[in-house]
Amino acid sequence: FSTAIVEEVEPLLSILRERGEICNISDFQAIKLISST
């Protein structure tokens, strides 16, 4: 699950980060936050 999520979601998070929509949080922490919610 961690491999699949990172491979698929990381590019989206990078684009959102470049567009300034999210802070400089690591992908791991972002996925952990979403999962725990």
PDB file of all heavy atoms in Angstrom:
ATOM      1  N   PHE A   1       0.813  -1.202   0.000  1.00  0.00           N
ATOM      2  CA  PHE A   1       0.000   0.000   0.000  1.00  0.00           C
ATOM      3  C   PHE A   1       0.857   1.268   0.000  1.00  0.00           C
ATOM      4  O   PHE A   1       0.564   2.216  -0.715  1.00  0.00           O
ATOM      5  CB  PHE A   1      -0.945  -0.001   1.199  1.00  0.00           C
ATOM      6  CG  PHE A   1      -2.204  -0.778   0.955  1.00  0.00           C
ATOM      7  CD1 PHE A   1      -2.265  -2.121   1.252  1.00  0.00           C
ATOM      8  CD2 PHE A   1      -3.304  -0.183   0.400  1.00  0.00           C
ATOM      9  CE1 PHE A   1      -3.405  -2.858   1.017  1.00  0.00           C
ATOM     10  CE2 PHE A   1      -4.467  -0.905   0.157  1.00  0.00           C
ATOM     11  CZ  PHE A   1      -4.515  -2.250   0.467  1.00  0.00           C
ATOM     12  N   SER A   2       1.897   1.268   0.793  1.00  0.00           N
ATOM     13  CA  SER A   2       2.753   2.463   0.844  1.00  0.00           C
ATOM     14  C   SER A   2       3.425   2.699  -0.501  1.00  0.00           C
ATOM     15  O   SER A   2       3.510   3.842  -0.975  1.00  0.00           O
ATOM     16  CB  SER A   2       3.811   2.316   1.947  1.00  0.00           C
ATOM     17  OG  SER A   2       4.644   1.193   1.699  1.00  0.00           O
ATOM     18  N   THR A   3       3.886   1.631  -1.139  1.00  0.00           N
ATOM     19  CA  THR A   3       4.535   1.754  -2.453  1.00  0.00           C
ATOM     20  C   THR A   3       3.553   2.242  -3.500  1.00  0.00           C
ATOM     21  O   THR A   3       3.848   3.161  -4.273  1.00  0.00           O
ATOM     22  CB  THR A   3       5.120   0.394  -2.893  1.00  0.00           C
ATOM     23  OG1 THR A   3       6.078  -0.033  -1.932  1.00  0.00           O
ATOM     24  CG2 THR A   3       5.798   0.526  -4.248  1.00  0.00           C
ATOM     25  N   ALA A   4       2.368   1.636  -3.526  1.00  0.00           N
ATOM     26  CA  ALA A   4       1.356   2.004  -4.518  1.00  0.00           C
ATOM     27  C   ALA A   4       0.906   3.444  -4.342  1.00  0.00           C
ATOM     28  O   ALA A   4       0.794   4.200  -5.315  1.00  0.00           O
ATOM     29  CB  ALA A   4       0.152   1.067  -4.401  1.00  0.00           C
ATOM     30  N   ILE A   5       0.671   3.839  -3.088  1.00  0.00           N
ATOM     31  CA  ILE A   5       0.185   5.194  -2.829  1.00  0.00           C
ATOM     32  C   ILE A   5       1.242   6.238  -3.175  1.00  0.00           C
ATOM     33  O   ILE A   5       0.944   7.259  -3.800  1.00  0.00           O
ATOM     34  CB  ILE A   5      -0.248   5.335  -1.351  1.00  0.00           C
ATOM     35  CG1 ILE A   5      -1.519   4.521  -1.113  1.00  0.00           C
ATOM     36  CG2 ILE A   5      -0.492   6.799  -0.992  1.00  0.00           C
ATOM     37  CD1 ILE A   5      -1.957   4.477   0.331  1.00  0.00           C
ATOM     38  N   VAL A   6       2.493   5.982  -2.787  1.00  0.00           N
ATOM     39  CA  VAL A   6       3.556   6.931  -3.077  1.00  0.00           C
ATOM     40  C   VAL A   6       3.746   7.096  -4.579  1.00  0.00           C
ATOM     41  O   VAL A   6       3.843   8.219  -5.097  1.00  0.00           O
ATOM     42  CB  VAL A   6       4.890   6.485  -2.426  1.00  0.00           C
ATOM     43  CG1 VAL A   6       6.040   7.328  -2.965  1.00  0.00           C
ATOM     44  CG2 VAL A   6       4.807   6.631  -0.919  1.00  0.00           C
ATOM     45  N   GLU A   7       3.777   5.977  -5.310  1.00  0.00           N
ATOM     46  CA  GLU A   7       3.990   6.025  -6.747  1.00  0.00           C
ATOM     47  C   GLU A   7       2.876   6.772  -7.471  1.00  0.00           C
ATOM     48  O   GLU A   7       3.121   7.485  -8.446  1.00  0.00           O
ATOM     49  CB  GLU A   7       4.104   4.607  -7.312  1.00  0.00           C
ATOM     50  CG  GLU A   7       5.400   3.895  -6.918  1.00  0.00           C
ATOM     51  CD  GLU A   7       5.470   2.492  -7.481  1.00  0.00           C
ATOM     52  OE1 GLU A   7       4.448   2.029  -8.033  1.00  0.00           O
ATOM     53  OE2 GLU A   7       6.535   1.859  -7.374  1.00  0.00           O
ATOM     54  N   GLU A   8       1.642   6.593  -7.013  1.00  0.00           N
ATOM     55  CA  GLU A   8       0.508   7.189  -7.697  1.00  0.00           C
ATOM     56  C   GLU A   8       0.197   8.611  -7.225  1.00  0.00           C
ATOM     57  O   GLU A   8      -0.186   9.469  -8.017  1.00  0.00           O
ATOM     58  CB  GLU A   8      -0.744   6.305  -7.486  1.00  0.00           C
ATOM     59  CG  GLU A   8      -0.613   4.899  -8.040  1.00  0.00           C
ATOM     60  CD  GLU A   8      -0.680   4.866  -9.564  1.00  0.00           C
ATOM     61  OE1 GLU A   8      -0.970   5.900 -10.170  1.00  0.00           O
ATOM     62  OE2 GLU A   8      -0.441   3.785 -10.132  1.00  0.00           O
ATOM     63  N   VAL A   9       0.336   8.848  -5.917  1.00  0.00           N
ATOM     64  CA  VAL A   9      -0.095  10.123  -5.351  1.00  0.00           C
ATOM     65  C   VAL A   9       1.022  11.168  -5.309  1.00  0.00           C
ATOM     66  O   VAL A   9       0.759  12.371  -5.372  1.00  0.00           O
ATOM     67  CB  VAL A   9      -0.664   9.908  -3.925  1.00  0.00           C
ATOM     68  CG1 VAL A   9      -1.058  11.231  -3.286  1.00  0.00           C
ATOM     69  CG2 VAL A   9      -1.859   8.976  -3.988  1.00  0.00           C
ATOM     70  N   GLU A  10       2.262  10.713  -5.222  1.00  0.00           N
ATOM     71  CA  GLU A  10       3.388  11.648  -5.115  1.00  0.00           C
ATOM     72  C   GLU A  10       3.400  12.696  -6.225  1.00  0.00           C
ATOM     73  O   GLU A  10       3.612  13.888  -5.952  1.00  0.00           O
ATOM     74  CB  GLU A  10       4.706  10.873  -5.098  1.00  0.00           C
ATOM     75  CG  GLU A  10       5.912  11.745  -4.761  1.00  0.00           C
ATOM     76  CD  GLU A  10       7.192  10.926  -4.660  1.00  0.00           C
ATOM     77  OE1 GLU A  10       7.393  10.044  -5.517  1.00  0.00           O
ATOM     78  OE2 GLU A  10       7.967  11.155  -3.724  1.00  0.00           O
ATOM     79  N   PRO A  11       3.192  12.315  -7.507  1.00  0.00           N
ATOM     80  CA  PRO A  11       3.171  13.334  -8.566  1.00  0.00           C
ATOM     81  C   PRO A  11       2.098  14.390  -8.356  1.00  0.00           C
ATOM     82  O   PRO A  11       2.320  15.575  -8.619  1.00  0.00           O
ATOM     83  CB  PRO A  11       2.893  12.508  -9.837  1.00  0.00           C
ATOM     84  CG  PRO A  11       3.398  11.145  -9.507  1.00  0.00           C
ATOM     85  CD  PRO A  11       3.058  10.952  -8.061  1.00  0.00           C
ATOM     86  N   LEU A  12       0.921  13.959  -7.862  1.00  0.00           N
ATOM     87  CA  LEU A  12      -0.162  14.914  -7.600  1.00  0.00           C
ATOM     88  C   LEU A  12       0.219  15.880  -6.487  1.00  0.00           C
ATOM     89  O   LEU A  12      -0.022  17.090  -6.589  1.00  0.00           O
ATOM     90  CB  LEU A  12      -1.443  14.164  -7.210  1.00  0.00           C
ATOM     91  CG  LEU A  12      -2.173  13.417  -8.327  1.00  0.00           C
ATOM     92  CD1 LEU A  12      -3.309  12.594  -7.740  1.00  0.00           C
ATOM     93  CD2 LEU A  12      -2.706  14.387  -9.355  1.00  0.00           C
ATOM     94  N   LEU A  13       0.824  15.339  -5.422  1.00  0.00           N
ATOM     95  CA  LEU A  13       1.236  16.189  -4.312  1.00  0.00           C
ATOM     96  C   LEU A  13       2.308  17.175  -4.759  1.00  0.00           C
ATOM     97  O   LEU A  13       2.323  18.340  -4.329  1.00  0.00           O
ATOM     98  CB  LEU A  13       1.761  15.328  -3.160  1.00  0.00           C
ATOM     99  CG  LEU A  13       0.732  14.436  -2.454  1.00  0.00           C
ATOM    100  CD1 LEU A  13       1.410  13.559  -1.411  1.00  0.00           C
ATOM    101  CD2 LEU A  13      -0.360  15.278  -1.807  1.00  0.00           C
ATOM    102  N   SER A  14       3.205  16.737  -5.629  1.00  0.00           N
ATOM    103  CA  SER A  14       4.268  17.618  -6.135  1.00  0.00           C
ATOM    104  C   SER A  14       3.681  18.782  -6.923  1.00  0.00           C
ATOM    105  O   SER A  14       4.109  19.930  -6.768  1.00  0.00           O
ATOM    106  CB  SER A  14       5.232  16.822  -7.030  1.00  0.00           C
ATOM    107  OG  SER A  14       5.895  15.822  -6.295  1.00  0.00           O
ATOM    108  N   ILE A  15       2.694  18.482  -7.757  1.00  0.00           N
ATOM    109  CA  ILE A  15       2.055  19.534  -8.553  1.00  0.00           C
ATOM    110  C   ILE A  15       1.301  20.503  -7.654  1.00  0.00           C
ATOM    111  O   ILE A  15       1.381  21.725  -7.833  1.00  0.00           O
ATOM    112  CB  ILE A  15       1.094  18.904  -9.585  1.00  0.00           C
ATOM    113  CG1 ILE A  15       1.901  18.130 -10.627  1.00  0.00           C
ATOM    114  CG2 ILE A  15       0.250  19.982 -10.267  1.00  0.00           C
ATOM    115  CD1 ILE A  15       1.046  17.353 -11.604  1.00  0.00           C
ATOM    116  N   LEU A  16       0.586  19.967  -6.681  1.00  0.00           N
ATOM    117  CA  LEU A  16      -0.144  20.820  -5.748  1.00  0.00           C
ATOM    118  C   LEU A  16       0.821  21.702  -4.956  1.00  0.00           C
ATOM    119  O   LEU A  16       0.537  22.863  -4.665  1.00  0.00           O
ATOM    120  CB  LEU A  16      -0.977  19.968  -4.784  1.00  0.00           C
ATOM    121  CG  LEU A  16      -2.186  19.246  -5.385  1.00  0.00           C
ATOM    122  CD1 LEU A  16      -2.802  18.312  -4.361  1.00  0.00           C
ATOM    123  CD2 LEU A  16      -3.221  20.250  -5.886  1.00  0.00           C
ATOM    124  N   ARG A  17       1.984  21.131  -4.638  1.00  0.00           N
ATOM    125  CA  ARG A  17       3.001  21.881  -3.898  1.00  0.00           C
ATOM    126  C   ARG A  17       3.558  23.011  -4.766  1.00  0.00           C
ATOM    127  O   ARG A  17       3.755  24.132  -4.297  1.00  0.00           O
ATOM    128  CB  ARG A  17       4.110  20.932  -3.450  1.00  0.00           C
ATOM    129  CG  ARG A  17       4.970  21.467  -2.310  1.00  0.00           C
ATOM    130  CD  ARG A  17       5.930  20.408  -1.811  1.00  0.00           C
ATOM    131  NE  ARG A  17       5.272  19.368  -1.017  1.00  0.00           N
ATOM    132  CZ  ARG A  17       5.165  18.105  -1.378  1.00  0.00           C
ATOM    133  NH1 ARG A  17       5.662  17.682  -2.518  1.00  0.00           N
ATOM    134  NH2 ARG A  17       4.557  17.234  -0.594  1.00  0.00           N
ATOM    135  N   GLU A  18       3.790  22.720  -6.034  1.00  0.00           N
ATOM    136  CA  GLU A  18       4.312  23.724  -6.962  1.00  0.00           C
ATOM    137  C   GLU A  18       3.296  24.836  -7.191  1.00  0.00           C
ATOM    138  O   GLU A  18       3.654  25.997  -7.400  1.00  0.00           O
ATOM    139  CB  GLU A  18       4.663  23.064  -8.299  1.00  0.00           C
ATOM    140  CG  GLU A  18       5.879  22.148  -8.238  1.00  0.00           C
ATOM    141  CD  GLU A  18       6.109  21.413  -9.548  1.00  0.00           C
ATOM    142  OE1 GLU A  18       5.339  21.672 -10.504  1.00  0.00           O
ATOM    143  OE2 GLU A  18       7.046  20.601  -9.614  1.00  0.00           O
ATOM    144  N   ARG A  19       2.017  24.476  -7.159  1.00  0.00           N
ATOM    145  CA  ARG A  19       0.966  25.482  -7.357  1.00  0.00           C
ATOM    146  C   ARG A  19       0.686  26.252  -6.079  1.00  0.00           C
ATOM    147  O   ARG A  19      -0.155  27.147  -6.052  1.00  0.00           O
ATOM    148  CB  ARG A  19      -0.333  24.787  -7.823  1.00  0.00           C
ATOM    149  CG  ARG A  19      -0.190  24.187  -9.207  1.00  0.00           C
ATOM    150  CD  ARG A  19      -1.487  23.823  -9.874  1.00  0.00           C
ATOM    151  NE  ARG A  19      -2.546  23.295  -9.024  1.00  0.00           N
ATOM    152  CZ  ARG A  19      -3.478  22.448  -9.474  1.00  0.00           C
ATOM    153  NH1 ARG A  19      -3.443  22.018 -10.709  1.00  0.00           N
ATOM    154  NH2 ARG A  19      -4.434  22.027  -8.679  1.00  0.00           N
ATOM    155  N   GLY A  20       1.357  25.863  -4.995  1.00  0.00           N
ATOM    156  CA  GLY A  20       1.193  26.572  -3.735  1.00  0.00           C
ATOM    157  C   GLY A  20      -0.072  26.222  -2.989  1.00  0.00           C
ATOM    158  O   GLY A  20      -0.498  26.955  -2.097  1.00  0.00           O
ATOM    159  N   GLU A  21      -0.675  25.070  -3.316  1.00  0.00           N
ATOM    160  CA  GLU A  21      -1.926  24.674  -2.670  1.00  0.00           C
ATOM    161  C   GLU A  21      -1.694  23.926  -1.364  1.00  0.00           C
ATOM    162  O   GLU A  21      -2.611  23.809  -0.545  1.00  0.00           O
ATOM    163  CB  GLU A  21      -2.765  23.817  -3.626  1.00  0.00           C
ATOM    164  CG  GLU A  21      -3.359  24.594  -4.783  1.00  0.00           C
ATOM    165  CD  GLU A  21      -4.508  23.835  -5.428  1.00  0.00           C
ATOM    166  OE1 GLU A  21      -5.421  23.405  -4.701  1.00  0.00           O
ATOM    167  OE2 GLU A  21      -4.487  23.675  -6.654  1.00  0.00           O
ATOM    168  N   ILE A  22      -0.490  23.390  -1.188  1.00  0.00           N
ATOM    169  CA  ILE A  22      -0.184  22.720   0.070  1.00  0.00           C
ATOM    170  C   ILE A  22       1.170  23.206   0.586  1.00  0.00           C
ATOM    171  O   ILE A  22       2.002  23.683  -0.187  1.00  0.00           O
ATOM    172  CB  ILE A  22      -0.160  21.179  -0.080  1.00  0.00           C
ATOM    173  CG1 ILE A  22       0.946  20.741  -1.049  1.00  0.00           C
ATOM    174  CG2 ILE A  22      -1.510  20.660  -0.523  1.00  0.00           C
ATOM    175  CD1 ILE A  22       1.092  19.220  -1.129  1.00  0.00           C
ATOM    176  N   CYS A  23       1.375  23.060   1.867  1.00  0.00           N
ATOM    177  CA  CYS A  23       2.625  23.501   2.472  1.00  0.00           C
ATOM    178  C   CYS A  23       3.729  22.488   2.173  1.00  0.00           C
ATOM    179  O   CYS A  23       3.498  21.455   1.544  1.00  0.00           O
ATOM    180  CB  CYS A  23       2.449  23.657   3.989  1.00  0.00           C
ATOM    181  SG  CYS A  23       1.987  22.124   4.838  1.00  0.00           S
ATOM    182  N   ASN A  24       4.914  22.750   2.658  1.00  0.00           N
ATOM    183  CA  ASN A  24       6.062  21.879   2.389  1.00  0.00           C
ATOM    184  C   ASN A  24       6.069  20.687   3.346  1.00  0.00           C
ATOM    185  O   ASN A  24       7.036  20.455   4.059  1.00  0.00           O
ATOM    186  CB  ASN A  24       7.363  22.680   2.509  1.00  0.00           C
ATOM    187  CG  ASN A  24       8.539  21.906   1.956  1.00  0.00           C
ATOM    188  OD1 ASN A  24       8.375  21.089   1.045  1.00  0.00           O
ATOM    189  ND2 ASN A  24       9.719  22.156   2.499  1.00  0.00           N
ATOM    190  N   ILE A  25       4.982  19.927   3.316  1.00  0.00           N
ATOM    191  CA  ILE A  25       4.864  18.744   4.152  1.00  0.00           C
ATOM    192  C   ILE A  25       5.315  17.536   3.341  1.00  0.00           C
ATOM    193  O   ILE A  25       5.141  17.502   2.118  1.00  0.00           O
ATOM    194  CB  ILE A  25       3.397  18.565   4.625  1.00  0.00           C
ATOM    195  CG1 ILE A  25       3.283  17.416   5.630  1.00  0.00           C
ATOM    196  CG2 ILE A  25       2.465  18.334   3.439  1.00  0.00           C
ATOM    197  CD1 ILE A  25       1.888  17.280   6.232  1.00  0.00           C
ATOM    198  N   SER A  26       5.910  16.563   3.998  1.00  0.00           N
ATOM    199  CA  SER A  26       6.380  15.383   3.274  1.00  0.00           C
ATOM    200  C   SER A  26       5.192  14.563   2.788  1.00  0.00           C
ATOM    201  O   SER A  26       4.088  14.620   3.355  1.00  0.00           O
ATOM    202  CB  SER A  26       7.260  14.517   4.180  1.00  0.00           C
ATOM    203  OG  SER A  26       6.489  13.914   5.208  1.00  0.00           O
ATOM    204  N   ASP A  27       5.406  13.800   1.725  1.00  0.00           N
ATOM    205  CA  ASP A  27       4.342  12.946   1.198  1.00  0.00           C
ATOM    206  C   ASP A  27       3.878  11.949   2.256  1.00  0.00           C
ATOM    207  O   ASP A  27       2.686  11.665   2.378  1.00  0.00           O
ATOM    208  CB  ASP A  27       4.841  12.192  -0.044  1.00  0.00           C
ATOM    209  CG  ASP A  27       5.148  13.126  -1.199  1.00  0.00           C
ATOM    210  OD1 ASP A  27       4.578  14.231  -1.229  1.00  0.00           O
ATOM    211  OD2 ASP A  27       5.959  12.758  -2.065  1.00  0.00           O
ATOM    212  N   PHE A  28       4.835  11.420   3.006  1.00  0.00           N
ATOM    213  CA  PHE A  28       4.501  10.444   4.052  1.00  0.00           C
ATOM    214  C   PHE A  28       3.559  11.054   5.076  1.00  0.00           C
ATOM    215  O   PHE A  28       2.556  10.443   5.457  1.00  0.00           O
ATOM    216  CB  PHE A  28       5.782   9.960   4.739  1.00  0.00           C
ATOM    217  CG  PHE A  28       5.521   9.080   5.933  1.00  0.00           C
ATOM    218  CD1 PHE A  28       5.180   7.742   5.779  1.00  0.00           C
ATOM    219  CD2 PHE A  28       5.602   9.593   7.230  1.00  0.00           C
ATOM    220  CE1 PHE A  28       4.915   6.931   6.878  1.00  0.00           C
ATOM    221  CE2 PHE A  28       5.346   8.790   8.329  1.00  0.00           C
ATOM    222  CZ  PHE A  28       5.003   7.452   8.153  1.00  0.00           C
ATOM    223  N   GLN A  29       3.866  12.266   5.536  1.00  0.00           N
ATOM    224  CA  GLN A  29       3.033  12.921   6.537  1.00  0.00           C
ATOM    225  C   GLN A  29       1.663  13.270   5.973  1.00  0.00           C
ATOM    226  O   GLN A  29       0.643  13.172   6.674  1.00  0.00           O
ATOM    227  CB  GLN A  29       3.729  14.193   7.050  1.00  0.00           C
ATOM    228  CG  GLN A  29       4.953  13.929   7.914  1.00  0.00           C
ATOM    229  CD  GLN A  29       4.619  13.172   9.184  1.00  0.00           C
ATOM    230  OE1 GLN A  29       3.522  13.308   9.736  1.00  0.00           O
ATOM    231  NE2 GLN A  29       5.551  12.360   9.660  1.00  0.00           N
ATOM    232  N   ALA A  30       1.624  13.667   4.694  1.00  0.00           N
ATOM    233  CA  ALA A  30       0.351  14.011   4.064  1.00  0.00           C
ATOM    234  C   ALA A  30      -0.549  12.783   3.967  1.00  0.00           C
ATOM    235  O   ALA A  30      -1.743  12.829   4.302  1.00  0.00           O
ATOM    236  CB  ALA A  30       0.590  14.587   2.676  1.00  0.00           C
ATOM    237  N   ILE A  31       0.027  11.672   3.516  1.00  0.00           N
ATOM    238  CA  ILE A  31      -0.733  10.427   3.392  1.00  0.00           C
ATOM    239  C   ILE A  31      -1.167   9.919   4.766  1.00  0.00           C
ATOM    240  O   ILE A  31      -2.283   9.428   4.946  1.00  0.00           O
ATOM    241  CB  ILE A  31       0.109   9.360   2.665  1.00  0.00           C
ATOM    242  CG1 ILE A  31       0.336   9.788   1.209  1.00  0.00           C
ATOM    243  CG2 ILE A  31      -0.577   7.995   2.714  1.00  0.00           C
ATOM    244  CD1 ILE A  31       1.323   8.927   0.463  1.00  0.00           C
ATOM    245  N   LYS A  32      -0.281  10.050   5.752  1.00  0.00           N
ATOM    246  CA  LYS A  32      -0.602   9.631   7.121  1.00  0.00           C
ATOM    247  C   LYS A  32      -1.773  10.444   7.669  1.00  0.00           C
ATOM    248  O   LYS A  32      -2.672   9.891   8.321  1.00  0.00           O
ATOM    249  CB  LYS A  32       0.630   9.811   8.014  1.00  0.00           C
ATOM    250  CG  LYS A  32       0.429   9.375   9.449  1.00  0.00           C
ATOM    251  CD  LYS A  32       1.709   9.565  10.265  1.00  0.00           C
ATOM    252  CE  LYS A  32       1.501   9.163  11.709  1.00  0.00           C
ATOM    253  NZ  LYS A  32       2.741   9.371  12.512  1.00  0.00           N
ATOM    254  N   LEU A  33      -1.775  11.754   7.405  1.00  0.00           N
ATOM    255  CA  LEU A  33      -2.842  12.634   7.879  1.00  0.00           C
ATOM    256  C   LEU A  33      -4.176  12.247   7.252  1.00  0.00           C
ATOM    257  O   LEU A  33      -5.196  12.142   7.938  1.00  0.00           O
ATOM    258  CB  LEU A  33      -2.504  14.088   7.539  1.00  0.00           C
ATOM    259  CG  LEU A  33      -3.574  15.146   7.837  1.00  0.00           C
ATOM    260  CD1 LEU A  33      -3.881  15.190   9.319  1.00  0.00           C
ATOM    261  CD2 LEU A  33      -3.118  16.518   7.333  1.00  0.00           C
ATOM    262  N   ILE A  34      -4.164  12.027   5.950  1.00  0.00           N
ATOM    263  CA  ILE A  34      -5.392  11.656   5.243  1.00  0.00           C
ATOM    264  C   ILE A  34      -5.905  10.302   5.726  1.00  0.00           C
ATOM    265  O   ILE A  34      -7.098  10.128   5.993  1.00  0.00           O
ATOM    266  CB  ILE A  34      -5.140  11.621   3.721  1.00  0.00           C
ATOM    267  CG1 ILE A  34      -4.811  13.030   3.210  1.00  0.00           C
ATOM    268  CG2 ILE A  34      -6.364  11.065   2.989  1.00  0.00           C
ATOM    269  CD1 ILE A  34      -4.347  13.064   1.767  1.00  0.00           C
ATOM    270  N   SER A  35      -4.989   9.347   5.861  1.00  0.00           N
ATOM    271  CA  SER A  35      -5.377   7.997   6.290  1.00  0.00           C
ATOM    272  C   SER A  35      -5.969   7.997   7.695  1.00  0.00           C
ATOM    273  O   SER A  35      -6.983   7.343   7.955  1.00  0.00           O
ATOM    274  CB  SER A  35      -4.162   7.061   6.242  1.00  0.00           C
ATOM    275  OG  SER A  35      -3.636   6.971   4.940  1.00  0.00           O
ATOM    276  N   SER A  36      -5.313   8.721   8.612  1.00  0.00           N
ATOM    277  CA  SER A  36      -5.798   8.760   9.996  1.00  0.00           C
ATOM    278  C   SER A  36      -7.169   9.435  10.076  1.00  0.00           C
ATOM    279  O   SER A  36      -8.011   9.054  10.904  1.00  0.00           O
ATOM    280  CB  SER A  36      -4.798   9.501  10.892  1.00  0.00           C
ATOM    281  OG  SER A  36      -4.628  10.840  10.466  1.00  0.00           O
ATOM    282  N   THR A  37      -7.416  10.418   9.214  1.00  0.00           N
ATOM    283  CA  THR A  37      -8.710  11.091   9.186  1.00  0.00           C
ATOM    284  C   THR A  37      -9.800  10.136   8.717  1.00  0.00           C
ATOM    285  O   THR A  37     -10.898  10.086   9.296  1.00  0.00           O
ATOM    286  CB  THR A  37      -8.670  12.319   8.248  1.00  0.00           C
ATOM    287  OG1 THR A  37      -7.691  13.246   8.720  1.00  0.00           O
ATOM    288  CG2 THR A  37     -10.029  13.006   8.191  1.00  0.00           C
TER     289      THR A  37
END
